[in-house]
């Protein structure tokens, strides 16, 4: 019986967020991201700020790679120091898995700008540099986690919401009138494999999160992700067939089931939905016990009580699935 969160959290108090996460998610807690604190706490700025030897600054159009760090980099670095310090305090004496999240290489490459004014993904050399930098970033982040929480086993979640657009050539140009080149699936898979391998070599477990309806499940599995975090409420029959193939290949499903906003169904209803989808693709009922339950996406848009309630319902739904797995 395991539940976790995706990453983002409402508010600006990381200590309070950590207290809720540790209390409600005893089996797979995580370091929450609080984008309401401002630039540098957002998903892109947060990951880009950790890139090794690739400083950034913030422009009207978004985060940009630059020659030397400035105030924007310093602010993002300060958020990381605060978060890791608070994490060390909140998880003093903790033993078990502890998750951290970073935007993945293709979401970064399609969002961060080059100095000359186009997205990094247009330049294969810049993209290779970004992938290699991110691999080193992951190694260093895993080292930080296990140094600050010696009993923890790091779990690295790569967030790739932009990957489907990258693969399909739907990322807009700087002018907004055109679209950037589509990245070949083999190239995208290799970039992800490089970063995931770095995490594995550093001793971490890995997951890739993508909550798009057209998530490339087979590509993520073949890239080496040990778990796939998906909004399963968006999957159609072909998506569920890909999930089944991945589960049968040994990849764990992190099932995004709990709505982040609005009315939340009872845990028994949510577990029943997943169990029906599971049955429809011929997966063994006993394997439901290996599913990790999450909210459908991040919780930054929820109220603090609503965010806590989503974690509670995720944990309750995981318990229901475990009971169904036992027959």
Foldseek 3Di string as FASTA:
>chain_A
DFAEAFAEDADDDQLVVLLLQCVLGVAEGERHQYCVVDQLSDQQNLQQLLFPQFEWDADPQGIETDNDHDDSSVVNVVVVVVSLVSVLVSQPVPAHAYEYEHAALVVNQLRYHYPVGWGNVLDPVSSVSRLVRLLVSLLVVQVSNCVSNVRYAYEYEHEYQCLVCLQVQNRAIRVRPHTGDRDHLVVVLQSLLSNCVSNVVSRHAYEYEYADLPDPLVSRLVSPHQEYEYAVVSYDPVRLLSVVVSVVVRREYAYAQFELDDDTDALLVSLVVVQVSCVVNPHQLLCLLRYYYYHSHHNHVPDNVSVSVRSNSSVSNSVNSNVSSVD
